[in-house]
Structure formats: structure tokens, C-alpha cells
C-alpha atoms as a PDB file:
ATOM      1  CA  MET A   1       0.108   0.059  -0.140  1.00  0.00           C
ATOM      2  CA  PRO A   2       1.803   3.115  -1.192  1.00  0.00           C
ATOM      3  CA  PHE A   3       2.150   5.956   1.655  1.00  0.00           C
ATOM      4  CA  SER A   4       1.160   8.577  -1.066  1.00  0.00           C
ATOM      5  CA  ALA A   5      -0.707  11.359   0.173  1.00  0.00           C
ATOM      6  CA  THR A   6       2.338  13.652   1.434  1.00  0.00           C
ATOM      7  CA  ARG A   7       1.183  17.324   1.120  1.00  0.00           C
ATOM      8  CA  ARG A   8       3.899  18.594  -1.581  1.00  0.00           C
ATOM      9  CA  ALA A   9       2.136  21.998  -1.893  1.00  0.00           C
ATOM     10  CA  ALA A  10       2.906  22.418   1.872  1.00  0.00           C
ATOM     11  CA  LEU A  11       6.435  21.587   1.853  1.00  0.00           C
ATOM     12  CA  ALA A  12       6.947  24.231  -0.992  1.00  0.00           C
ATOM     13  CA  LEU A  13       5.936  26.733   1.117  1.00  0.00           C
ATOM     14  CA  PRO A  14       9.294  27.775   2.996  1.00  0.00           C
ATOM     15  CA  ALA A  15      11.351  29.048   0.490  1.00  0.00           C
ATOM     16  CA  LEU A  16       8.611  31.340  -1.128  1.00  0.00           C
ATOM     17  CA  ALA A  17       7.072  32.497   2.087  1.00  0.00           C
ATOM     18  CA  LEU A  18       9.600  32.916   4.962  1.00  0.00           C
ATOM     19  CA  PRO A  19      10.788  36.143   3.511  1.00  0.00           C
ATOM     20  CA  ALA A  20       7.442  37.769   3.303  1.00  0.00           C
ATOM     21  CA  LEU A  21       6.068  35.945   6.530  1.00  0.00           C
ATOM     22  CA  ALA A  22       9.442  37.048   8.324  1.00  0.00           C
ATOM     23  CA  ALA A  23       8.508  41.108   7.074  1.00  0.00           C
ATOM     24  CA  LEU A  24       4.834  40.452   8.613  1.00  0.00           C
ATOM     25  CA  ALA A  25       6.411  39.579  11.863  1.00  0.00           C
ATOM     26  CA  LEU A  26       8.411  42.601  12.182  1.00  0.00           C
ATOM     27  CA  ALA A  27       4.965  44.607  11.596  1.00  0.00           C
ATOM     28  CA  ALA A  28       3.138  42.404  14.580  1.00  0.00           C
ATOM     29  CA  PRO A  29       0.509  43.990  16.589  1.00  0.00           C
ATOM     30  CA  ALA A  30       1.192  46.361  19.014  1.00  0.00           C
ATOM     31  CA  ALA A  31       2.414  45.873  22.704  1.00  0.00           C
ATOM     32  CA  ALA A  32      -0.769  45.792  24.001  1.00  0.00           C
ATOM     33  CA  ASP A  33      -1.499  42.254  22.336  1.00  0.00           C
ATOM     34  CA  ASP A  34       1.831  40.698  23.777  1.00  0.00           C
ATOM     35  CA  PRO A  35       1.663  38.305  26.788  1.00  0.00           C
ATOM     36  CA  ASP A  36       2.089  39.912  29.891  1.00  0.00           C
ATOM     37  CA  ARG A  37       3.387  37.217  31.673  1.00  0.00           C
ATOM     38  CA  PRO A  38       5.070  33.746  30.884  1.00  0.00           C
ATOM     39  CA  ILE A  39       3.904  31.495  28.146  1.00  0.00           C
ATOM     40  CA  THR A  40       3.434  27.855  28.944  1.00  0.00           C
ATOM     41  CA  LEU A  41       4.362  25.783  25.828  1.00  0.00           C
ATOM     42  CA  VAL A  42       2.867  22.115  26.462  1.00  0.00           C
ATOM     43  CA  ILE A  43       4.542  19.549  24.771  1.00  0.00           C
ATOM     44  CA  PRO A  44       2.474  16.583  24.862  1.00  0.00           C
ATOM     45  CA  PHE A  45       5.105  13.862  24.896  1.00  0.00           C
ATOM     46  CA  ALA A  46       7.918  13.028  27.616  1.00  0.00           C
ATOM     47  CA  ALA A  47      11.172  14.804  26.891  1.00  0.00           C
ATOM     48  CA  GLY A  48      13.760  13.570  24.453  1.00  0.00           C
ATOM     49  CA  GLY A  49      11.978  13.346  21.431  1.00  0.00           C
ATOM     50  CA  SER A  50      11.418  14.966  18.342  1.00  0.00           C
ATOM     51  CA  THR A  51       8.624  17.108  19.378  1.00  0.00           C
ATOM     52  CA  ASP A  52      10.414  18.167  22.653  1.00  0.00           C
ATOM     53  CA  VAL A  53      13.600  18.997  20.688  1.00  0.00           C
ATOM     54  CA  VAL A  54      11.544  21.147  18.155  1.00  0.00           C
ATOM     55  CA  GLY A  55       9.359  22.760  20.450  1.00  0.00           C
ATOM     56  CA  ARG A  56      12.473  23.781  22.987  1.00  0.00           C
ATOM     57  CA  ILE A  57      14.244  25.538  20.216  1.00  0.00           C
ATOM     58  CA  VAL A  58      11.362  27.144  19.293  1.00  0.00           C
ATOM     59  CA  ALA A  59      10.053  28.337  22.670  1.00  0.00           C
ATOM     60  CA  GLU A  60      13.389  30.115  23.204  1.00  0.00           C
ATOM     61  CA  ARG A  61      13.351  32.107  20.047  1.00  0.00           C
ATOM     62  CA  MET A  62       9.854  33.046  20.634  1.00  0.00           C
ATOM     63  CA  GLY A  63      10.546  34.121  24.071  1.00  0.00           C
ATOM     64  CA  ALA A  64      12.676  36.644  22.610  1.00  0.00           C
ATOM     65  CA  GLU A  65      10.310  37.914  20.110  1.00  0.00           C
ATOM     66  CA  LEU A  66       7.502  38.390  22.826  1.00  0.00           C
ATOM     67  CA  GLY A  67       9.327  39.602  25.150  1.00  0.00           C
ATOM     68  CA  GLN A  68       8.150  36.903  27.929  1.00  0.00           C
ATOM     69  CA  GLN A  69       9.409  33.852  29.003  1.00  0.00           C
ATOM     70  CA  VAL A  70       8.128  30.655  27.136  1.00  0.00           C
ATOM     71  CA  ILE A  71       8.323  27.849  29.696  1.00  0.00           C
ATOM     72  CA  VAL A  72       8.096  24.160  28.202  1.00  0.00           C
ATOM     73  CA  GLN A  73       6.271  21.501  30.168  1.00  0.00           C
ATOM     74  CA  ASN A  74       6.316  17.907  29.130  1.00  0.00           C
ATOM     75  CA  VAL A  75       2.811  16.221  29.747  1.00  0.00           C
ATOM     76  CA  GLY A  76       3.095  12.778  27.955  1.00  0.00           C
ATOM     77  CA  GLY A  77       0.741   9.652  27.952  1.00  0.00           C
ATOM     78  CA  ALA A  78      -2.137   8.437  25.376  1.00  0.00           C
ATOM     79  CA  GLY A  79       0.003   9.382  22.585  1.00  0.00           C
ATOM     80  CA  GLY A  80       0.186  13.088  23.058  1.00  0.00           C
ATOM     81  CA  SER A  81      -3.977  13.300  24.178  1.00  0.00           C
ATOM     82  CA  LEU A  82      -3.326  14.036  27.775  1.00  0.00           C
ATOM     83  CA  GLY A  83      -1.322  17.163  27.143  1.00  0.00           C
ATOM     84  CA  ALA A  84      -3.442  18.430  24.200  1.00  0.00           C
ATOM     85  CA  ALA A  85      -6.488  17.970  26.537  1.00  0.00           C
ATOM     86  CA  GLN A  86      -4.749  19.891  29.073  1.00  0.00           C
ATOM     87  CA  VAL A  87      -4.435  22.795  26.460  1.00  0.00           C
ATOM     88  CA  ALA A  88      -7.972  22.596  25.135  1.00  0.00           C
ATOM     89  CA  GLU A  89      -9.086  23.260  28.604  1.00  0.00           C
ATOM     90  CA  ALA A  90      -6.977  26.143  29.339  1.00  0.00           C
ATOM     91  CA  ALA A  91      -7.947  29.514  29.564  1.00  0.00           C
ATOM     92  CA  PRO A  92      -7.953  30.719  25.764  1.00  0.00           C
ATOM     93  CA  ASP A  93      -5.632  34.059  26.744  1.00  0.00           C
ATOM     94  CA  GLY A  94      -2.470  33.086  24.755  1.00  0.00           C
ATOM     95  CA  HIS A  95      -0.568  32.024  27.834  1.00  0.00           C
ATOM     96  CA  THR A  96      -0.989  28.379  27.414  1.00  0.00           C
ATOM     97  CA  ILE A  97      -0.358  26.862  23.873  1.00  0.00           C
ATOM     98  CA  LEU A  98       0.346  23.307  22.613  1.00  0.00           C
ATOM     99  CA  MET A  99       2.982  21.883  20.476  1.00  0.00           C
ATOM    100  CA  GLY A 100       0.598  19.761  18.102  1.00  0.00           C
ATOM    101  CA  THR A 101       1.482  17.051  15.930  1.00  0.00           C
ATOM    102  CA  VAL A 102       0.157  14.775  13.487  1.00  0.00           C
ATOM    103  CA  ALA A 103      -0.736  12.128  16.395  1.00  0.00           C
ATOM    104  CA  THR A 104      -2.648  14.672  18.380  1.00  0.00           C
ATOM    105  CA  HIS A 105      -4.635  16.425  15.481  1.00  0.00           C
ATOM    106  CA  ALA A 106      -5.128  13.515  13.095  1.00  0.00           C
ATOM    107  CA  LEU A 107      -4.298  10.031  14.534  1.00  0.00           C
ATOM    108  CA  ASN A 108      -5.440  10.188  17.936  1.00  0.00           C
ATOM    109  CA  PRO A 109      -9.183  10.581  17.260  1.00  0.00           C
ATOM    110  CA  LEU A 110      -9.154   7.634  14.818  1.00  0.00           C
ATOM    111  CA  VAL A 111      -7.430   4.947  16.976  1.00  0.00           C
ATOM    112  CA  LEU A 112      -8.353   6.056  20.238  1.00  0.00           C
ATOM    113  CA  ALA A 113     -11.603   5.445  21.823  1.00  0.00           C
ATOM    114  CA  ASP A 114     -11.705   8.446  24.580  1.00  0.00           C
ATOM    115  CA  VAL A 115     -10.049  11.585  23.394  1.00  0.00           C
ATOM    116  CA  ALA A 116     -11.143  14.330  25.789  1.00  0.00           C
ATOM    117  CA  TYR A 117     -10.933  17.018  22.992  1.00  0.00           C
ATOM    118  CA  ASP A 118     -11.790  17.789  19.386  1.00  0.00           C
ATOM    119  CA  PRO A 119      -8.725  18.547  17.231  1.00  0.00           C
ATOM    120  CA  VAL A 120     -10.755  21.223  15.048  1.00  0.00           C
ATOM    121  CA  THR A 121     -13.195  22.981  17.542  1.00  0.00           C
ATOM    122  CA  ASP A 122     -11.255  23.000  20.558  1.00  0.00           C
ATOM    123  CA  PHE A 123      -8.123  25.003  19.318  1.00  0.00           C
ATOM    124  CA  ALA A 124      -6.974  27.932  17.726  1.00  0.00           C
ATOM    125  CA  PRO A 125      -4.410  27.167  14.719  1.00  0.00           C
ATOM    126  CA  ILE A 126      -1.372  29.399  15.108  1.00  0.00           C
ATOM    127  CA  SER A 127       1.140  27.913  12.929  1.00  0.00           C
ATOM    128  CA  LEU A 128       2.675  24.741  11.019  1.00  0.00           C
ATOM    129  CA  LEU A 129       6.394  25.001  12.255  1.00  0.00           C
ATOM    130  CA  VAL A 130       8.084  21.971  10.580  1.00  0.00           C
ATOM    131  CA  VAL A 131       7.746  18.425   8.394  1.00  0.00           C
ATOM    132  CA  VAL A 132       9.954  16.112   9.948  1.00  0.00           C
ATOM    133  CA  PRO A 133      11.468  12.474   8.496  1.00  0.00           C
ATOM    134  CA  ASN A 134      11.042   9.757  10.704  1.00  0.00           C
ATOM    135  CA  VAL A 135      13.909   6.734  10.762  1.00  0.00           C
ATOM    136  CA  LEU A 136      14.099   3.091  10.852  1.00  0.00           C
ATOM    137  CA  ALA A 137      17.057   2.448  13.342  1.00  0.00           C
ATOM    138  CA  VAL A 138      18.299  -0.815  15.316  1.00  0.00           C
ATOM    139  CA  ASN A 139      20.506  -1.574  18.213  1.00  0.00           C
ATOM    140  CA  PRO A 140      24.261  -2.182  16.968  1.00  0.00           C
ATOM    141  CA  ALA A 141      24.216  -5.653  18.403  1.00  0.00           C
ATOM    142  CA  LEU A 142      21.316  -6.989  15.838  1.00  0.00           C
ATOM    143  CA  PRO A 143      23.328  -8.276  13.055  1.00  0.00           C
ATOM    144  CA  VAL A 144      21.556  -5.964  10.326  1.00  0.00           C
ATOM    145  CA  ASP A 145      22.858  -3.619   8.168  1.00  0.00           C
ATOM    146  CA  THR A 146      20.180  -2.925   5.826  1.00  0.00           C
ATOM    147  CA  VAL A 147      16.398  -2.879   5.659  1.00  0.00           C
ATOM    148  CA  GLN A 148      16.327  -5.751   3.496  1.00  0.00           C
ATOM    149  CA  GLU A 149      18.703  -7.729   6.366  1.00  0.00           C
ATOM    150  CA  LEU A 150      16.145  -6.489   8.710  1.00  0.00           C
ATOM    151  CA  ILE A 151      13.405  -8.016   6.923  1.00  0.00           C
ATOM    152  CA  ASP A 152      15.608 -11.127   6.111  1.00  0.00           C
ATOM    153  CA  LEU A 153      15.969 -11.709   9.800  1.00  0.00           C
ATOM    154  CA  ALA A 154      12.450 -11.015  10.780  1.00  0.00           C
ATOM    155  CA  LYS A 155      11.314 -13.695   8.242  1.00  0.00           C
ATOM    156  CA  ALA A 156      13.658 -16.157   9.560  1.00  0.00           C
ATOM    157  CA  GLU A 157      12.740 -15.479  13.291  1.00  0.00           C
ATOM    158  CA  PRO A 158       9.290 -14.790  13.058  1.00  0.00           C
ATOM    159  CA  GLY A 159       7.390 -13.158  16.016  1.00  0.00           C
ATOM    160  CA  THR A 160      10.911 -12.620  17.893  1.00  0.00           C
ATOM    161  CA  LEU A 161      12.118  -9.083  16.902  1.00  0.00           C
ATOM    162  CA  ALA A 162      10.176  -6.200  18.447  1.00  0.00           C
ATOM    163  CA  PHE A 163      10.203  -2.538  17.458  1.00  0.00           C
ATOM    164  CA  ALA A 164       9.761   0.449  19.985  1.00  0.00           C
ATOM    165  CA  SER A 165       7.618   3.469  19.269  1.00  0.00           C
ATOM    166  CA  SER A 166       6.529   6.399  20.785  1.00  0.00           C
ATOM    167  CA  GLY A 167       3.113   5.047  21.778  1.00  0.00           C
ATOM    168  CA  ILE A 168       0.172   3.447  20.473  1.00  0.00           C
ATOM    169  CA  GLY A 169      -1.379   4.736  17.272  1.00  0.00           C
ATOM    170  CA  THR A 170       1.438   7.805  16.657  1.00  0.00           C
ATOM    171  CA  PRO A 171       3.128   8.100  13.639  1.00  0.00           C
ATOM    172  CA  LEU A 172       5.812   6.127  14.772  1.00  0.00           C
ATOM    173  CA  HIS A 173       3.798   2.985  15.626  1.00  0.00           C
ATOM    174  CA  LEU A 174       1.648   3.248  12.303  1.00  0.00           C
ATOM    175  CA  SER A 175       5.677   3.663  10.304  1.00  0.00           C
ATOM    176  CA  GLY A 176       6.346  -0.204  11.964  1.00  0.00           C
ATOM    177  CA  ALA A 177       2.729  -1.375  11.209  1.00  0.00           C
ATOM    178  CA  LEU A 178       2.807  -0.242   7.532  1.00  0.00           C
ATOM    179  CA  PHE A 179       6.763  -1.928   7.713  1.00  0.00           C
ATOM    180  CA  ASN A 180       5.284  -5.198   8.680  1.00  0.00           C
ATOM    181  CA  ALA A 181       2.750  -5.062   6.430  1.00  0.00           C
ATOM    182  CA  MET A 182       4.560  -3.900   3.341  1.00  0.00           C
ATOM    183  CA  ALA A 183       7.491  -6.389   4.259  1.00  0.00           C
ATOM    184  CA  GLY A 184       5.499  -9.577   5.001  1.00  0.00           C
ATOM    185  CA  VAL A 185       7.015  -9.484   8.871  1.00  0.00           C
ATOM    186  CA  ASP A 186       5.671  -9.717  12.328  1.00  0.00           C
ATOM    187  CA  MET A 187       7.849  -7.583  14.391  1.00  0.00           C
ATOM    188  CA  LEU A 188       6.169  -7.117  18.155  1.00  0.00           C
ATOM    189  CA  HIS A 189       5.151  -3.521  18.665  1.00  0.00           C
ATOM    190  CA  VAL A 190       6.240  -2.129  22.238  1.00  0.00           C
ATOM    191  CA  PRO A 191       4.708   1.131  23.150  1.00  0.00           C
ATOM    192  CA  TYR A 192       6.076   3.883  25.385  1.00  0.00           C
ATOM    193  CA  GLN A 193       5.124   7.125  26.598  1.00  0.00           C
ATOM    194  CA  GLY A 194       7.628   9.267  24.233  1.00  0.00           C
ATOM    195  CA  SER A 195      10.378   8.620  22.156  1.00  0.00           C
ATOM    196  CA  GLY A 196      13.052   9.397  24.749  1.00  0.00           C
ATOM    197  CA  PRO A 197      11.886   6.612  26.925  1.00  0.00           C
ATOM    198  CA  ALA A 198      11.901   4.369  23.454  1.00  0.00           C
ATOM    199  CA  LEU A 199      15.512   5.473  23.002  1.00  0.00           C
ATOM    200  CA  THR A 200      16.808   4.757  26.363  1.00  0.00           C
ATOM    201  CA  ASP A 201      15.756   0.846  25.981  1.00  0.00           C
ATOM    202  CA  VAL A 202      16.933   0.662  22.552  1.00  0.00           C
ATOM    203  CA  LEU A 203      20.181   2.355  23.167  1.00  0.00           C
ATOM    204  CA  GLY A 204      20.624  -0.237  26.186  1.00  0.00           C
ATOM    205  CA  ASN A 205      19.486  -3.115  23.698  1.00  0.00           C
ATOM    206  CA  GLN A 206      16.121  -3.906  25.863  1.00  0.00           C
ATOM    207  CA  ILE A 207      14.430  -3.841  22.758  1.00  0.00           C
ATOM    208  CA  PRO A 208      16.394  -4.351  19.362  1.00  0.00           C
ATOM    209  CA  VAL A 209      14.283  -1.932  16.734  1.00  0.00           C
ATOM    210  CA  ILE A 210      12.809   1.528  16.959  1.00  0.00           C
ATOM    211  CA  PHE A 211      11.006   3.819  14.482  1.00  0.00           C
ATOM    212  CA  ASP A 212      11.654   7.144  15.683  1.00  0.00           C
ATOM    213  CA  ASN A 213      11.758  10.870  14.721  1.00  0.00           C
ATOM    214  CA  LEU A 214      15.186  11.645  12.739  1.00  0.00           C
ATOM    215  CA  PRO A 215      15.377  14.554  15.183  1.00  0.00           C
ATOM    216  CA  SER A 216      15.583  12.969  18.070  1.00  0.00           C
ATOM    217  CA  ALA A 217      17.629  10.004  17.128  1.00  0.00           C
ATOM    218  CA  SER A 218      20.003  11.971  15.006  1.00  0.00           C
ATOM    219  CA  GLU A 219      22.531  12.454  17.954  1.00  0.00           C
ATOM    220  CA  HIS A 220      22.822   8.898  18.752  1.00  0.00           C
ATOM    221  CA  ILE A 221      23.079   7.818  14.655  1.00  0.00           C
ATOM    222  CA  ARG A 222      25.933   9.933  14.330  1.00  0.00           C
ATOM    223  CA  SER A 223      27.813   8.575  17.678  1.00  0.00           C
ATOM    224  CA  GLY A 224      26.906   5.366  16.798  1.00  0.00           C
ATOM    225  CA  GLY A 225      24.661   4.087  19.385  1.00  0.00           C
ATOM    226  CA  LEU A 226      22.152   3.465  16.806  1.00  0.00           C
ATOM    227  CA  ARG A 227      22.381   2.029  13.314  1.00  0.00           C
ATOM    228  CA  ALA A 228      20.180   3.880  11.033  1.00  0.00           C
ATOM    229  CA  LEU A 229      18.718   1.659   8.174  1.00  0.00           C
ATOM    230  CA  GLY A 230      16.405   4.086   6.288  1.00  0.00           C
ATOM    231  CA  VAL A 231      14.373   7.204   6.504  1.00  0.00           C
ATOM    232  CA  THR A 232      10.785   6.997   6.230  1.00  0.00           C
ATOM    233  CA  THR A 233      10.199   9.461   4.091  1.00  0.00           C
ATOM    234  CA  ALA A 234      10.174   9.099   0.075  1.00  0.00           C
ATOM    235  CA  GLU A 235      13.351  10.513  -0.480  1.00  0.00           C
ATOM    236  CA  ARG A 236      16.389  10.592   1.382  1.00  0.00           C
ATOM    237  CA  ALA A 237      17.094  13.387   4.028  1.00  0.00           C
ATOM    238  CA  ALA A 238      19.379  15.846   3.318  1.00  0.00           C
ATOM    239  CA  SER A 239      21.167  16.003   6.778  1.00  0.00           C
ATOM    240  CA  PHE A 240      21.878  11.966   6.151  1.00  0.00           C
ATOM    241  CA  PRO A 241      22.497  11.482   2.274  1.00  0.00           C
ATOM    242  CA  ASP A 242      23.977   8.299   2.644  1.00  0.00           C
ATOM    243  CA  LEU A 243      21.021   6.670   4.365  1.00  0.00           C
ATOM    244  CA  PRO A 244      18.500   5.329   2.163  1.00  0.00           C
ATOM    245  CA  ALA A 245      14.999   5.682   2.088  1.00  0.00           C
ATOM    246  CA  ILE A 246      12.847   2.460   3.120  1.00  0.00           C
ATOM    247  CA  ALA A 247      11.480   3.074   0.060  1.00  0.00           C
ATOM    248  CA  GLU A 248      14.281   1.890  -1.858  1.00  0.00           C
ATOM    249  CA  THR A 249      13.453  -1.604  -0.478  1.00  0.00           C
ATOM    250  CA  LEU A 250       9.924  -1.011  -0.105  1.00  0.00           C
ATOM    251  CA  ARG A 251       8.457   0.654  -3.006  1.00  0.00           C
ATOM    252  CA  GLY A 252       5.714   3.199  -2.082  1.00  0.00           C
ATOM    253  CA  TYR A 253       6.750   3.356   1.570  1.00  0.00           C
ATOM    254  CA  GLU A 254       6.324   6.757   3.249  1.00  0.00           C
ATOM    255  CA  THR A 255       5.483   8.260   6.465  1.00  0.00           C
ATOM    256  CA  TYR A 256       6.704  11.371   8.406  1.00  0.00           C
ATOM    257  CA  THR A 257       5.496  13.844  11.094  1.00  0.00           C
ATOM    258  CA  TRP A 258       5.022  17.407  11.826  1.00  0.00           C
ATOM    259  CA  ASN A 259       4.983  20.128  14.566  1.00  0.00           C
ATOM    260  CA  ALA A 260       2.444  22.938  14.740  1.00  0.00           C
ATOM    261  CA  LEU A 261       1.219  25.615  17.563  1.00  0.00           C
ATOM    262  CA  PHE A 262      -2.178  25.869  18.567  1.00  0.00           C
ATOM    263  CA  ALA A 263      -3.941  27.800  21.216  1.00  0.00           C
ATOM    264  CA  PRO A 264      -7.556  27.065  23.172  1.00  0.00           C
ATOM    265  CA  ALA A 265     -10.357  27.723  20.977  1.00  0.00           C
ATOM    266  CA  GLY A 266     -11.739  31.408  21.597  1.00  0.00           C
ATOM    267  CA  ALA A 267      -8.225  32.875  22.061  1.00  0.00           C
ATOM    268  CA  PRO A 268      -8.977  36.642  20.483  1.00  0.00           C
ATOM    269  CA  PRO A 269      -7.615  36.639  16.897  1.00  0.00           C
ATOM    270  CA  GLU A 270      -4.869  39.691  17.902  1.00  0.00           C
ATOM    271  CA  VAL A 271      -3.615  37.302  20.602  1.00  0.00           C
ATOM    272  CA  VAL A 272      -3.248  34.500  17.639  1.00  0.00           C
ATOM    273  CA  ALA A 273      -1.989  36.983  15.161  1.00  0.00           C
ATOM    274  CA  ARG A 274       1.017  37.898  17.628  1.00  0.00           C
ATOM    275  CA  LEU A 275       1.696  34.444  18.786  1.00  0.00           C
ATOM    276  CA  ASN A 276       1.953  33.712  14.500  1.00  0.00           C
ATOM    277  CA  ALA A 277       4.102  36.485  13.988  1.00  0.00           C
ATOM    278  CA  ALA A 278       6.377  35.236  17.029  1.00  0.00           C
ATOM    279  CA  ALA A 279       6.876  31.720  15.647  1.00  0.00           C
ATOM    280  CA  VAL A 280       7.300  32.963  12.029  1.00  0.00           C
ATOM    281  CA  ALA A 281       9.974  35.046  13.373  1.00  0.00           C
ATOM    282  CA  ALA A 282      11.323  32.350  15.192  1.00  0.00           C
ATOM    283  CA  MET A 283      11.637  29.909  12.190  1.00  0.00           C
ATOM    284  CA  ALA A 284      12.940  32.485  10.085  1.00  0.00           C
ATOM    285  CA  ASP A 285      15.863  33.085  12.192  1.00  0.00           C
ATOM    286  CA  PRO A 286      19.031  31.859  10.607  1.00  0.00           C
ATOM    287  CA  ALA A 287      20.392  30.047  14.090  1.00  0.00           C
ATOM    288  CA  VAL A 288      16.974  28.172  14.247  1.00  0.00           C
ATOM    289  CA  ALA A 289      17.017  27.239  10.708  1.00  0.00           C
ATOM    290  CA  ALA A 290      20.466  25.883  11.036  1.00  0.00           C
ATOM    291  CA  ARG A 291      19.403  23.851  13.796  1.00  0.00           C
ATOM    292  CA  MET A 292      15.849  22.622  11.945  1.00  0.00           C
ATOM    293  CA  GLU A 293      18.626  21.761   8.668  1.00  0.00           C
ATOM    294  CA  GLU A 294      20.386  19.591  11.074  1.00  0.00           C
ATOM    295  CA  PHE A 295      18.092  16.906  11.353  1.00  0.00           C
ATOM    296  CA  SER A 296      16.095  17.377   8.236  1.00  0.00           C
ATOM    297  CA  ALA A 297      13.166  19.156   9.464  1.00  0.00           C
ATOM    298  CA  THR A 298      11.487  21.253   6.995  1.00  0.00           C
ATOM    299  CA  ILE A 299      10.542  24.600   8.062  1.00  0.00           C
ATOM    300  CA  VAL A 300       7.041  25.787   6.743  1.00  0.00           C
ATOM    301  CA  ALA A 301       5.951  28.444   9.211  1.00  0.00           C
ATOM    302  CA  SER A 302       2.366  28.851   8.172  1.00  0.00           C
ATOM    303  CA  THR A 303      -0.538  31.050   8.469  1.00  0.00           C
ATOM    304  CA  PRO A 304      -3.398  30.166  11.045  1.00  0.00           C
ATOM    305  CA  GLU A 305      -5.634  29.548   7.908  1.00  0.00           C
ATOM    306  CA  GLU A 306      -2.851  27.386   6.395  1.00  0.00           C
ATOM    307  CA  LEU A 307      -2.457  25.082   9.659  1.00  0.00           C
ATOM    308  CA  ALA A 308      -6.134  24.691   9.654  1.00  0.00           C
ATOM    309  CA  ALA A 309      -6.481  23.437   6.336  1.00  0.00           C
ATOM    310  CA  HIS A 310      -3.413  21.286   6.899  1.00  0.00           C
ATOM    311  CA  VAL A 311      -5.134  19.762   9.789  1.00  0.00           C
ATOM    312  CA  THR A 312      -8.431  18.728   7.822  1.00  0.00           C
ATOM    313  CA  ALA A 313      -6.367  17.343   4.799  1.00  0.00           C
ATOM    314  CA  GLU A 314      -4.193  15.201   7.149  1.00  0.00           C
ATOM    315  CA  ALA A 315      -7.313  13.821   8.816  1.00  0.00           C
ATOM    316  CA  ALA A 316      -8.522  12.724   5.495  1.00  0.00           C
ATOM    317  CA  LYS A 317      -5.517  11.189   4.727  1.00  0.00           C
ATOM    318  CA  TRP A 318      -4.353   9.301   7.467  1.00  0.00           C
ATOM    319  CA  ALA A 319      -8.250   7.733   7.925  1.00  0.00           C
ATOM    320  CA  PRO A 320      -7.924   4.772   5.211  1.00  0.00           C
ATOM    321  CA  ILE A 321      -4.035   4.555   6.530  1.00  0.00           C
ATOM    322  CA  VAL A 322      -5.456   3.721  10.133  1.00  0.00           C
ATOM    323  CA  ALA A 323      -8.009   1.130   8.821  1.00  0.00           C
ATOM    324  CA  GLU A 324      -5.562  -0.487   6.784  1.00  0.00           C
ATOM    325  CA  ALA A 325      -2.887  -0.762   9.272  1.00  0.00           C
ATOM    326  CA  GLY A 326      -5.668  -2.728  11.305  1.00  0.00           C
ATOM    327  CA  ILE A 327      -5.407  -0.564  13.959  1.00  0.00           C
ATOM    328  CA  GLU A 328      -8.608  -0.379  15.859  1.00  0.00           C
ATOM    329  CA  ALA A 329      -9.940   1.950  18.575  1.00  0.00           C
ATOM    330  CA  ARG A 330      -9.919   1.102  22.024  1.00  0.00           C
END
């Protein structure tokens, strides 16, 4: 089954839009619209994962733009649903915002029976920040160096290999489920409450295989703590040009994730506009752009309206994929 619904148009936005959007950021609403106390940015996953990495970089730069500290708060659990629900229930004054993902705003409503928020009506979109590749990696003790060798080992020892992910129903879980289906193998899924804990166990060789976001795994790949076999995007990642795409072995294979900012529904338009301007300015900063480029995160820095359209499109895209992967709501 091809994973063919990537929003190519969205990925084309950065090069064209960032200069103009950065100019808009400089013409942001007046200081009266600025936050008057520190802002809490809820990261709905444990520390150490891709969303946490992106969130902390953005929080620091946005704080400088806004003239207020942006405090990161990790609220892991239920594939990001706990943190998302916390923000949905917060006062809509712009002082509590969410680093949302494809999990919180597309997958969880499809795979979880009890999600305490509506991804559309309970949030005010601020900006789609980046699109991020995922990666298939193994502990170096596992005797495989390529995607095909992993497939061969999994077929030779059915039901004995396990792969870790950041949680049930997350893009990383679906990356593994799709791999199993397309490769005709049966690796056991071991879910964690975030990429950080999953990485810890794979680095310690408690679990041999992991599907992770490339940003959180890249340092361990470069240091040799993990052996990367392939990226999950259709093409190779710029930061690891020698690392094949899984699609070079499994034709049509493709998954990825994204990070975006949301406020609670009802946030005043002028507050959303100020937060959007700060986010866009942060992503246009050369130092931030360089950090994102290190792990092949593609900067988008969208308008609130573009993020709203993106959320709608992602929900429509993932519904048939979840059904084909056989992940049922619980």
C-alpha cells in the first residue's frame, strides 16, 4: 500500500513564504497584544523526543520575540492526548499553547476510543512549524546493516523481533505497522510514553528496533549508539544523504510527522496573530533554521488558516491508512 498522500504543496511553502512572513512578523500587532506574563508551551510527549527538541528550540526564540519567557512543560501519555486535552481546557488568553503533531490532531481521534478534545473545534491554529522525517534504526548489536537484512531476519525468526515507538497510534507506531504489512513480517510493537523512553531502551538493547523521529535519533546515529537503516520519507534526508529511504527497498513506503502550534479555541484573533508573528520570526532566524536543517526538518512557518486546512487534510489522509494498518479504536 503506497503511503502517497504527502502534502507536497505545504512543503513548497518555506522558500517562498519565509521572507514575506518574516516581514509580517516585524509588523506584528502592537505591544498591547503581547502576553503580560510567561507562556506555557505544552509538549504532549516525554522529554527527549523530536517534538520536545523542536519545541525547546522554538520556545527559546519565541520568548525573545514576545518579551516573555516561554516555559516548556512536558505532559506525556495517551499518544499526546493528555497534553492536548490540558491545553484545550486552558484559558484562551494565549498564555497556554500546544506543540501539536499529526498524532494529537489526526491520529488520536482515529485510533483512541476516548479522546477528551476535538482537534478542530477545541483549538485555535497558530502556525505549522516543520515537517519531520522518521527513521528506522536498530541497536548495533543486532546483526543487520540494511532494511533488506532486517526483513530477512524478521522472516527467519517470526515473532521474535520487537520494535519500539513513542506510543500506540502515533506516526511511529504506524511507521512500524506499515513496514510489517509491506515487508510481510511480524515484528512485535512495544509502545512507550514518548520517544525519549523508547530510545533509552533501544540504546540499552532491551528492544532491538525503533521507529523514531529523525531529530531525536540523529545524535545517537552519528555517535554510533544507533545504526540507522533507512528514513521513512519517500526521498533521502538532506542531513543523512548516504542513508537510504526505506522506499528504496519497499516501493511506495512513506511516513513522516509534523509540529505545529495551537492555542485553546476562543483565543482572541489579535493574540493568535501575535503568537503567529513570533513563531514565524523564530523560524526565520538563521540560527533556528540551521538547527532544523541539522536533522532535516523542513520549515513551513504557515499562517493560522493554512494550518487549519492542513489539519483537515491530514485527518482525511490518515483515516484509510489507519484502517488498512488494522489499528482499532479502544
